[in-house]
N, C-alpha and C. Protein backbone atom coordinates (compact mmCIF):
# COMPACT_ATOMS: atom_id res chain seq x y z
N MET A 1 293.81 132.13 173.15
CA MET A 1 294.09 133.17 172.26
C MET A 1 293.72 132.66 170.84
N ARG A 2 293.20 133.67 170.18
CA ARG A 2 292.76 133.42 168.83
C ARG A 2 293.79 133.88 167.87
N LYS A 3 294.14 133.13 166.83
CA LYS A 3 295.06 133.58 165.82
C LYS A 3 294.25 134.21 164.65
N LEU A 4 294.76 135.34 164.24
CA LEU A 4 294.14 135.92 163.03
C LEU A 4 294.82 135.34 161.70
N ILE A 5 293.95 134.90 160.81
CA ILE A 5 294.38 134.32 159.61
C ILE A 5 294.31 135.43 158.54
N HIS A 6 295.35 135.72 157.97
CA HIS A 6 295.42 136.86 156.93
C HIS A 6 295.33 136.14 155.51
N SER A 7 294.37 136.52 154.83
CA SER A 7 294.35 135.87 153.41
C SER A 7 295.21 136.64 152.41
N ARG A 8 295.83 135.93 151.62
CA ARG A 8 296.77 136.54 150.70
C ARG A 8 296.15 136.59 149.25
N GLY A 9 294.84 136.69 149.12
CA GLY A 9 294.32 136.84 147.75
C GLY A 9 293.51 137.96 147.57
N TYR A 10 292.83 138.27 146.45
CA TYR A 10 292.01 139.29 146.24
C TYR A 10 290.55 139.03 146.40
N THR A 11 289.70 139.92 146.67
CA THR A 11 288.32 139.75 146.92
C THR A 11 287.67 139.66 145.51
N LEU A 12 286.46 139.21 145.44
CA LEU A 12 285.68 139.17 144.27
C LEU A 12 285.45 140.62 143.69
N VAL A 13 285.24 141.49 144.45
CA VAL A 13 284.94 142.81 144.11
C VAL A 13 286.18 143.51 143.43
N GLU A 14 287.35 143.22 144.03
CA GLU A 14 288.60 143.75 143.52
C GLU A 14 288.88 143.11 142.13
N LEU A 15 288.61 141.85 141.88
CA LEU A 15 288.78 141.20 140.60
C LEU A 15 287.82 141.68 139.51
N ILE A 16 286.58 142.01 139.93
CA ILE A 16 285.57 142.55 138.97
C ILE A 16 285.93 143.89 138.61
N VAL A 17 286.43 144.76 139.43
CA VAL A 17 286.88 146.11 139.11
C VAL A 17 288.10 146.08 138.23
N ALA A 18 289.05 145.19 138.51
CA ALA A 18 290.24 145.07 137.65
C ALA A 18 289.92 144.59 136.28
N VAL A 19 289.16 143.58 136.06
CA VAL A 19 288.79 143.09 134.76
C VAL A 19 287.92 144.09 134.10
N GLY A 20 286.99 144.86 134.75
CA GLY A 20 286.28 145.84 134.08
C GLY A 20 287.15 146.99 133.51
N LEU A 21 288.14 147.42 134.26
CA LEU A 21 289.10 148.47 133.78
C LEU A 21 289.92 147.95 132.63
N PHE A 22 290.36 146.75 132.83
CA PHE A 22 291.12 146.19 131.68
C PHE A 22 290.24 146.06 130.44
N ALA A 23 289.03 145.65 130.44
CA ALA A 23 288.15 145.63 129.35
C ALA A 23 287.90 146.96 128.76
N LEU A 24 287.72 148.05 129.53
CA LEU A 24 287.47 149.31 129.07
C LEU A 24 288.76 149.85 128.36
N ILE A 25 289.84 149.70 128.93
CA ILE A 25 291.09 150.15 128.23
C ILE A 25 291.29 149.43 126.98
N MET A 26 291.14 148.03 127.03
CA MET A 26 291.31 147.33 125.66
C MET A 26 290.35 147.85 124.71
N THR A 27 289.07 148.11 125.04
CA THR A 27 288.15 148.54 124.04
C THR A 27 288.51 149.82 123.31
N LEU A 28 288.99 150.72 124.24
CA LEU A 28 289.51 152.11 123.64
C LEU A 28 290.73 151.84 122.78
N VAL A 29 291.64 151.09 123.20
CA VAL A 29 292.74 150.86 122.39
C VAL A 29 292.56 150.21 121.09
N SER A 30 291.72 149.16 121.16
CA SER A 30 291.38 148.38 119.89
C SER A 30 290.51 149.31 119.00
N GLY A 31 289.71 150.21 119.42
CA GLY A 31 289.00 151.20 118.60
C GLY A 31 289.99 152.12 117.96
N ALA A 32 290.89 152.57 118.63
CA ALA A 32 291.96 153.51 117.97
C ALA A 32 292.75 152.73 116.99
N TYR A 33 293.09 151.49 117.32
CA TYR A 33 293.75 150.69 116.34
C TYR A 33 293.02 150.46 115.06
N LEU A 34 291.72 150.14 115.17
CA LEU A 34 290.98 149.93 113.93
C LEU A 34 290.85 151.23 113.17
N ILE A 35 290.72 152.27 113.77
CA ILE A 35 290.69 153.55 113.10
C ILE A 35 291.98 153.88 112.37
N MET A 36 293.06 153.56 112.98
CA MET A 36 294.37 153.70 112.37
C MET A 36 294.58 152.81 111.14
N ILE A 37 294.04 151.56 111.20
CA ILE A 37 294.14 150.63 110.07
C ILE A 37 293.26 151.19 108.91
N SER A 38 292.03 151.63 109.20
CA SER A 38 291.17 152.18 108.14
C SER A 38 291.81 153.39 107.48
N THR A 39 292.42 154.36 108.30
CA THR A 39 293.06 155.53 107.76
C THR A 39 294.24 155.13 106.91
N ASN A 40 294.96 154.21 107.26
CA ASN A 40 296.10 153.69 106.49
C ASN A 40 295.65 153.12 105.17
N GLN A 41 294.56 152.31 105.12
CA GLN A 41 294.07 151.68 103.97
C GLN A 41 293.46 152.74 103.00
N ARG A 42 292.84 153.84 103.59
CA ARG A 42 292.40 154.87 102.70
C ARG A 42 293.59 155.59 102.09
N ALA A 43 294.58 155.89 102.79
CA ALA A 43 295.74 156.67 102.36
C ALA A 43 296.48 155.82 101.33
N GLN A 44 296.47 154.49 101.52
CA GLN A 44 297.24 153.66 100.42
C GLN A 44 296.33 153.58 99.20
N ALA A 45 295.02 153.57 99.36
CA ALA A 45 294.19 153.53 98.04
C ALA A 45 294.29 154.92 97.31
N ILE A 46 294.38 155.96 98.04
CA ILE A 46 294.57 157.30 97.37
C ILE A 46 295.88 157.39 96.68
N SER A 47 296.93 156.87 97.36
CA SER A 47 298.29 156.92 96.90
C SER A 47 298.37 156.02 95.60
N THR A 48 297.66 154.89 95.55
CA THR A 48 297.72 153.98 94.38
C THR A 48 297.05 154.65 93.23
N GLY A 49 295.91 155.33 93.45
CA GLY A 49 295.22 156.12 92.43
C GLY A 49 295.99 157.19 91.83
N ILE A 50 296.65 158.03 92.72
CA ILE A 50 297.49 159.07 92.21
C ILE A 50 298.72 158.61 91.51
N ASP A 51 299.30 157.35 91.91
CA ASP A 51 300.40 156.89 91.20
C ASP A 51 299.95 156.38 89.87
N ASP A 52 298.76 155.80 89.74
CA ASP A 52 298.24 155.32 88.46
C ASP A 52 298.10 156.49 87.52
N LEU A 53 297.50 157.70 88.04
CA LEU A 53 297.32 158.78 87.19
C LEU A 53 298.75 159.50 86.84
N SER A 54 299.69 159.47 87.69
CA SER A 54 301.04 159.97 87.47
C SER A 54 301.71 159.07 86.40
N PHE A 55 301.56 157.85 86.44
CA PHE A 55 302.14 156.97 85.45
C PHE A 55 301.62 157.11 84.09
N ALA A 56 300.26 157.25 84.02
CA ALA A 56 299.56 157.60 82.74
C ALA A 56 300.03 158.89 82.16
N LEU A 57 300.08 159.91 82.99
CA LEU A 57 300.59 161.29 82.42
C LEU A 57 302.07 161.18 81.99
N GLU A 58 302.90 160.47 82.76
CA GLU A 58 304.22 160.31 82.35
C GLU A 58 304.43 159.69 80.98
N ILE A 59 303.60 158.55 80.71
CA ILE A 59 303.64 157.91 79.46
C ILE A 59 303.16 158.78 78.35
N MET A 60 302.02 159.57 78.64
CA MET A 60 301.41 160.52 77.62
C MET A 60 302.47 161.52 77.30
N THR A 61 303.05 162.13 78.20
CA THR A 61 304.10 163.22 77.96
C THR A 61 305.30 162.74 77.20
N ARG A 62 305.78 161.58 77.62
CA ARG A 62 306.91 161.02 76.93
C ARG A 62 306.62 160.63 75.46
N GLU A 63 305.40 160.13 75.23
CA GLU A 63 305.01 159.83 73.87
C GLU A 63 304.72 161.05 72.99
N ILE A 64 304.14 162.08 73.65
CA ILE A 64 303.85 163.37 73.02
C ILE A 64 305.24 164.13 72.46
N ARG A 65 306.26 164.03 73.54
CA ARG A 65 307.47 164.66 73.22
C ARG A 65 308.20 164.10 71.99
N THR A 66 308.09 162.76 71.76
CA THR A 66 308.81 162.11 70.75
C THR A 66 307.89 162.02 69.51
N GLY A 67 306.58 162.53 69.49
CA GLY A 67 305.70 162.50 68.38
C GLY A 67 305.89 163.61 67.46
N THR A 68 305.07 163.71 66.47
CA THR A 68 305.00 164.80 65.37
C THR A 68 303.53 164.94 65.04
N SER A 69 303.32 165.88 64.13
CA SER A 69 302.06 166.18 63.51
C SER A 69 300.94 166.25 64.67
N TYR A 70 301.21 167.34 65.53
CA TYR A 70 300.22 167.55 66.56
C TYR A 70 298.94 168.14 66.04
N ASN A 71 297.79 167.53 66.62
CA ASN A 71 296.45 168.05 66.12
C ASN A 71 295.53 168.08 67.41
N CYS A 72 295.03 169.31 67.59
CA CYS A 72 294.20 169.40 68.85
C CYS A 72 292.75 169.53 68.48
N GLY A 73 291.89 168.66 68.77
CA GLY A 73 290.46 168.68 68.48
C GLY A 73 290.06 168.99 67.13
N GLY A 74 290.76 168.50 66.11
CA GLY A 74 290.35 168.47 64.69
C GLY A 74 291.14 169.65 64.10
N GLY A 75 291.83 170.53 64.81
CA GLY A 75 292.63 171.52 64.15
C GLY A 75 294.03 171.55 64.60
N GLY A 76 294.86 172.48 64.26
CA GLY A 76 296.25 172.42 64.73
C GLY A 76 296.38 172.89 66.13
N ASP A 77 296.54 174.28 66.23
CA ASP A 77 296.70 174.86 67.60
C ASP A 77 295.30 174.99 68.28
N CYS A 78 295.27 174.91 69.62
CA CYS A 78 294.11 175.20 70.28
C CYS A 78 294.56 175.84 71.63
N PRO A 79 294.88 177.21 71.56
CA PRO A 79 295.35 177.86 72.71
C PRO A 79 294.31 178.01 73.82
N ASN A 80 293.06 177.93 73.46
CA ASN A 80 291.93 177.98 74.38
C ASN A 80 291.48 176.62 74.92
N GLY A 81 292.12 175.57 74.53
CA GLY A 81 291.96 174.20 75.05
C GLY A 81 291.05 173.45 74.07
N GLY A 82 291.28 172.14 73.99
CA GLY A 82 290.51 171.13 73.22
C GLY A 82 290.36 169.85 74.12
N ASN A 83 289.34 169.11 73.87
CA ASN A 83 289.11 167.87 74.65
C ASN A 83 289.74 166.58 74.17
N SER A 84 290.48 166.79 72.92
CA SER A 84 291.10 165.62 72.35
C SER A 84 292.40 165.99 71.81
N PHE A 85 293.43 165.09 71.64
CA PHE A 85 294.69 165.50 71.18
C PHE A 85 295.22 164.28 70.29
N SER A 86 295.64 164.49 69.05
CA SER A 86 296.08 163.53 68.19
C SER A 86 297.44 163.85 67.74
N PHE A 87 298.19 162.95 67.43
CA PHE A 87 299.62 163.05 66.86
C PHE A 87 300.13 161.76 66.22
N THR A 88 301.24 161.79 65.69
CA THR A 88 301.96 160.54 65.21
C THR A 88 303.09 160.36 66.03
N ASN A 89 303.07 159.05 66.56
CA ASN A 89 304.19 158.77 67.47
C ASN A 89 305.52 158.41 66.74
N GLU A 90 306.57 158.10 67.40
CA GLU A 90 307.81 157.88 66.81
C GLU A 90 307.88 156.67 65.88
N ASN A 91 306.94 155.73 66.06
CA ASN A 91 306.83 154.58 65.13
C ASN A 91 305.91 154.93 64.05
N ASN A 92 305.50 156.14 63.78
CA ASN A 92 304.61 156.52 62.68
C ASN A 92 303.15 156.02 62.83
N GLU A 93 302.75 155.78 64.09
CA GLU A 93 301.44 155.30 64.33
C GLU A 93 300.54 156.55 64.89
N PRO A 94 299.31 156.46 64.34
CA PRO A 94 298.41 157.65 64.87
C PRO A 94 297.97 157.31 66.38
N ILE A 95 298.07 158.36 67.18
CA ILE A 95 297.65 158.29 68.61
C ILE A 95 296.66 159.38 68.87
N THR A 96 295.64 159.07 69.66
CA THR A 96 294.66 160.08 70.09
C THR A 96 294.38 159.84 71.56
N TYR A 97 294.36 160.90 72.34
CA TYR A 97 294.04 160.83 73.74
C TYR A 97 292.72 161.74 73.93
N ASN A 98 291.85 161.17 74.70
CA ASN A 98 290.52 161.95 74.94
C ASN A 98 289.96 161.40 76.18
N LEU A 99 288.84 162.00 76.56
CA LEU A 99 288.02 161.54 77.80
C LEU A 99 287.04 160.38 77.26
N GLY A 100 287.12 159.29 77.95
CA GLY A 100 286.26 158.26 77.67
C GLY A 100 285.27 157.87 78.78
N GLY A 101 284.30 157.12 78.48
CA GLY A 101 283.27 156.68 79.54
C GLY A 101 282.27 157.80 79.66
N PHE A 102 281.38 157.58 80.76
CA PHE A 102 280.25 158.45 81.07
C PHE A 102 280.35 158.88 82.49
N ALA A 103 279.91 160.12 82.79
CA ALA A 103 279.91 160.54 84.08
C ALA A 103 279.08 159.69 84.99
N PRO A 104 279.46 159.39 86.12
CA PRO A 104 280.59 159.80 86.88
C PRO A 104 281.81 158.86 86.71
N ASN A 105 281.81 158.00 85.79
CA ASN A 105 282.98 157.06 85.62
C ASN A 105 283.66 157.31 84.25
N GLN A 106 284.38 158.42 84.32
CA GLN A 106 285.21 158.82 83.13
C GLN A 106 286.63 158.49 83.34
N TYR A 107 287.35 158.31 82.22
CA TYR A 107 288.80 158.02 82.31
C TYR A 107 289.43 158.56 81.06
N ILE A 108 290.82 158.56 81.09
CA ILE A 108 291.63 158.93 79.89
C ILE A 108 291.69 157.79 79.06
N GLN A 109 291.35 157.96 77.76
CA GLN A 109 291.39 156.79 76.81
C GLN A 109 292.36 157.17 75.74
N ARG A 110 292.97 156.04 75.36
CA ARG A 110 294.01 156.17 74.26
C ARG A 110 293.67 155.34 73.16
N THR A 111 293.75 155.94 71.90
CA THR A 111 293.45 155.22 70.69
C THR A 111 294.71 155.09 69.85
N LYS A 112 295.13 153.93 69.48
CA LYS A 112 296.30 153.71 68.75
C LYS A 112 295.85 152.76 67.56
N ASN A 113 296.01 153.15 66.33
CA ASN A 113 295.68 152.38 65.18
C ASN A 113 294.29 151.75 65.32
N THR A 114 293.32 152.63 65.66
CA THR A 114 291.90 152.28 65.84
C THR A 114 291.60 151.40 66.96
N ILE A 115 292.51 151.09 67.89
CA ILE A 115 292.22 150.32 68.95
C ILE A 115 292.25 151.19 70.28
N THR A 116 291.08 151.28 70.83
CA THR A 116 290.87 152.22 71.97
C THR A 116 290.85 151.38 73.30
N LYS A 117 291.73 151.98 74.28
CA LYS A 117 291.86 151.39 75.63
C LYS A 117 291.75 152.45 76.63
N SER A 118 291.28 151.98 77.81
CA SER A 118 291.35 152.85 79.06
C SER A 118 292.73 153.09 79.38
N PHE A 119 293.13 154.27 79.79
CA PHE A 119 294.51 154.56 80.01
C PHE A 119 294.73 154.82 81.54
N THR A 120 293.62 155.05 82.29
CA THR A 120 293.75 155.16 83.79
C THR A 120 292.85 154.02 84.44
N GLY A 121 293.18 153.79 85.66
CA GLY A 121 292.54 152.71 86.40
C GLY A 121 291.15 153.10 86.82
N PRO A 122 290.38 152.10 87.45
CA PRO A 122 289.09 152.31 87.90
C PRO A 122 288.93 153.15 89.14
N SER A 123 290.01 153.34 89.90
CA SER A 123 289.82 154.19 91.09
C SER A 123 290.05 155.77 90.79
N VAL A 124 290.43 155.97 89.50
CA VAL A 124 290.61 157.37 89.12
C VAL A 124 289.45 157.76 88.21
N ASN A 125 288.75 158.84 88.59
CA ASN A 125 287.57 159.30 87.88
C ASN A 125 287.94 160.77 87.34
N ILE A 126 288.05 160.80 86.06
CA ILE A 126 288.37 162.07 85.38
C ILE A 126 287.25 162.91 85.10
N SER A 127 287.16 164.20 85.57
CA SER A 127 286.02 165.00 85.29
C SER A 127 286.35 166.09 84.23
N LEU A 128 287.61 166.38 83.97
CA LEU A 128 288.17 167.35 82.97
C LEU A 128 289.37 166.87 82.41
N LEU A 129 289.52 166.82 81.10
CA LEU A 129 290.61 166.64 80.33
C LEU A 129 290.90 167.57 79.18
N MET A 130 291.79 168.54 79.33
CA MET A 130 292.00 169.58 78.37
C MET A 130 293.48 169.51 77.88
N PHE A 131 293.50 169.83 76.61
CA PHE A 131 294.86 169.90 75.91
C PHE A 131 294.93 171.44 75.35
N TYR A 132 296.04 172.07 75.73
CA TYR A 132 296.30 173.31 75.16
C TYR A 132 297.56 173.27 74.31
N VAL A 133 297.33 173.54 72.99
CA VAL A 133 298.43 173.27 72.05
C VAL A 133 298.78 174.53 71.30
N THR A 134 300.03 174.82 71.20
CA THR A 134 300.55 175.98 70.44
C THR A 134 301.74 175.62 69.62
N GLY A 135 302.01 176.26 68.61
CA GLY A 135 303.19 176.16 67.74
C GLY A 135 303.18 175.03 66.72
N THR A 136 301.91 174.64 66.26
CA THR A 136 301.92 173.61 65.29
C THR A 136 301.90 174.05 63.82
N ALA A 137 301.83 175.34 63.57
CA ALA A 137 301.72 175.78 62.18
C ALA A 137 303.08 175.71 61.50
N GLY A 138 304.14 175.74 62.12
CA GLY A 138 305.45 175.65 61.54
C GLY A 138 305.99 176.97 60.99
N THR A 139 307.28 176.91 60.63
CA THR A 139 308.00 178.07 60.20
C THR A 139 307.43 178.62 58.83
N LEU A 140 306.97 177.74 57.92
CA LEU A 140 306.54 178.20 56.68
C LEU A 140 305.26 179.01 56.83
N ALA A 141 304.57 178.70 57.93
CA ALA A 141 303.37 179.68 58.09
C ALA A 141 303.70 180.84 59.03
N GLY A 142 304.95 181.05 59.30
CA GLY A 142 305.37 182.21 60.24
C GLY A 142 305.33 181.88 61.70
N ASP A 143 305.19 180.58 62.02
CA ASP A 143 305.10 180.19 63.41
C ASP A 143 306.52 179.72 63.81
N TYR A 144 307.32 180.44 64.57
CA TYR A 144 308.69 180.08 64.96
C TYR A 144 308.67 179.53 66.42
N ASN A 145 307.60 179.16 66.85
CA ASN A 145 307.54 178.45 68.24
C ASN A 145 307.52 176.96 68.06
N GLN A 146 308.32 176.28 68.94
CA GLN A 146 308.27 174.83 68.99
C GLN A 146 306.95 174.36 69.46
N PRO A 147 306.31 173.30 68.88
CA PRO A 147 305.04 172.78 69.30
C PRO A 147 305.09 172.41 70.76
N HIS A 148 304.11 172.92 71.54
CA HIS A 148 304.05 172.66 73.03
C HIS A 148 302.55 172.22 73.34
N VAL A 149 302.46 171.25 74.24
CA VAL A 149 301.24 170.75 74.65
C VAL A 149 301.12 170.79 76.25
N THR A 150 300.09 171.48 76.77
CA THR A 150 299.85 171.49 78.14
C THR A 150 298.59 170.62 78.38
N ILE A 151 298.66 169.68 79.39
CA ILE A 151 297.59 168.86 79.68
C ILE A 151 297.11 169.21 81.02
N VAL A 152 295.74 169.46 81.12
CA VAL A 152 295.19 169.77 82.43
C VAL A 152 294.12 168.63 82.78
N VAL A 153 294.30 168.02 83.91
CA VAL A 153 293.46 166.89 84.33
C VAL A 153 292.95 167.13 85.70
N LYS A 154 291.56 167.12 85.77
CA LYS A 154 290.83 167.19 87.14
C LYS A 154 289.98 165.98 87.26
N GLY A 155 289.85 165.70 88.56
CA GLY A 155 288.92 164.51 88.84
C GLY A 155 289.08 164.16 90.34
N THR A 156 288.72 162.97 90.62
CA THR A 156 288.69 162.46 91.91
C THR A 156 289.33 161.07 91.99
N VAL A 157 289.83 160.66 93.14
CA VAL A 157 290.36 159.30 93.42
C VAL A 157 289.59 158.71 94.52
N SER A 158 288.98 157.48 94.20
CA SER A 158 288.04 156.92 95.25
C SER A 158 289.00 156.06 96.02
N ALA A 159 288.63 155.97 97.37
CA ALA A 159 289.39 155.35 98.27
C ALA A 159 288.41 154.46 99.19
N GLY A 160 287.73 153.46 98.61
CA GLY A 160 286.79 152.63 99.36
C GLY A 160 285.55 153.38 99.76
N HIS A 161 285.31 153.24 100.96
CA HIS A 161 283.96 153.79 101.53
C HIS A 161 284.01 155.23 101.79
N GLY A 162 285.14 155.91 101.88
CA GLY A 162 285.18 157.28 102.24
C GLY A 162 284.86 158.17 101.02
N THR A 163 284.87 159.51 101.28
CA THR A 163 284.56 160.50 100.32
C THR A 163 285.80 160.55 99.35
N PRO A 164 285.50 160.56 98.00
CA PRO A 164 286.64 160.72 97.13
C PRO A 164 287.51 161.94 97.32
N GLU A 165 288.74 161.84 97.12
CA GLU A 165 289.73 162.93 97.14
C GLU A 165 289.82 163.48 95.76
N SER A 166 289.70 164.88 95.68
CA SER A 166 289.74 165.60 94.37
C SER A 166 291.26 165.89 94.08
N PHE A 167 291.59 166.04 92.81
CA PHE A 167 292.87 166.37 92.38
C PHE A 167 292.86 167.39 91.17
N SER A 168 293.88 168.11 91.01
CA SER A 168 294.02 168.86 89.66
C SER A 168 295.52 168.84 89.35
N VAL A 169 295.73 168.28 88.13
CA VAL A 169 297.17 168.01 87.73
C VAL A 169 297.38 168.71 86.40
N GLU A 170 298.59 169.24 86.19
CA GLU A 170 298.90 169.94 84.99
C GLU A 170 300.36 169.29 84.50
N ALA A 171 300.36 168.90 83.34
CA ALA A 171 301.65 168.31 82.60
C ALA A 171 301.90 169.03 81.37
N ALA A 172 303.10 169.19 81.01
CA ALA A 172 303.49 169.76 79.74
C ALA A 172 304.55 168.94 78.97
N ALA A 173 304.41 169.08 77.59
CA ALA A 173 305.40 168.36 76.77
C ALA A 173 305.71 169.40 75.52
N THR A 174 306.96 169.30 75.16
CA THR A 174 307.37 170.10 73.99
C THR A 174 308.02 169.12 72.99
N MET A 175 307.66 169.25 71.68
CA MET A 175 308.14 168.30 70.62
C MET A 175 309.70 168.44 70.63
N ARG A 176 310.21 167.24 70.76
CA ARG A 176 311.79 167.20 70.70
C ARG A 176 312.31 167.45 69.22
N GLU A 177 311.56 166.91 68.24
CA GLU A 177 312.03 167.10 66.80
C GLU A 177 311.84 168.63 66.47
N THR A 178 312.74 169.04 65.58
CA THR A 178 312.71 170.50 65.18
C THR A 178 311.52 170.72 64.31
N ASP A 179 310.86 171.72 64.53
CA ASP A 179 309.52 172.03 63.85
C ASP A 179 309.94 173.01 62.73
N ILE A 180 310.30 172.48 61.55
CA ILE A 180 310.69 173.32 60.34
C ILE A 180 309.69 173.21 59.31
């Protein structure tokens, strides 16, 4: 009588199929993982650019609120908008904000006591910077409105290799000091 010997292993074909399925699943999973990492990096870059712009606008509006002698584009009021804005800050220093650089790499620039610096980071590209100013004439000229500045900023935030994300932001500031 002959005894049957049962092997307790896997055949070579079974091993090849199992390794092939494992490799296919790992390729799909690693591809999805790499896409998630790329998307996360892009989102973080956009968030950093928007935070940079938000910080710059916060400083601008705070400084404008505590300033005096508003001057928009060479005149007082500019209800139709101007591309530069000057005033005197709380330390009696002249400040001017305007658009600096050349397209497509433009930024908000700040001039303080003849020293000009970029006010936004390199990932933020500003395409439009407008200042709408009202109420600068004062009560002696019959203007009983408190000086008010509305800042409109449009542009893009670059996020590495992807398409830049566009934004449009509006901020406002009203002079704290009484305009008499």
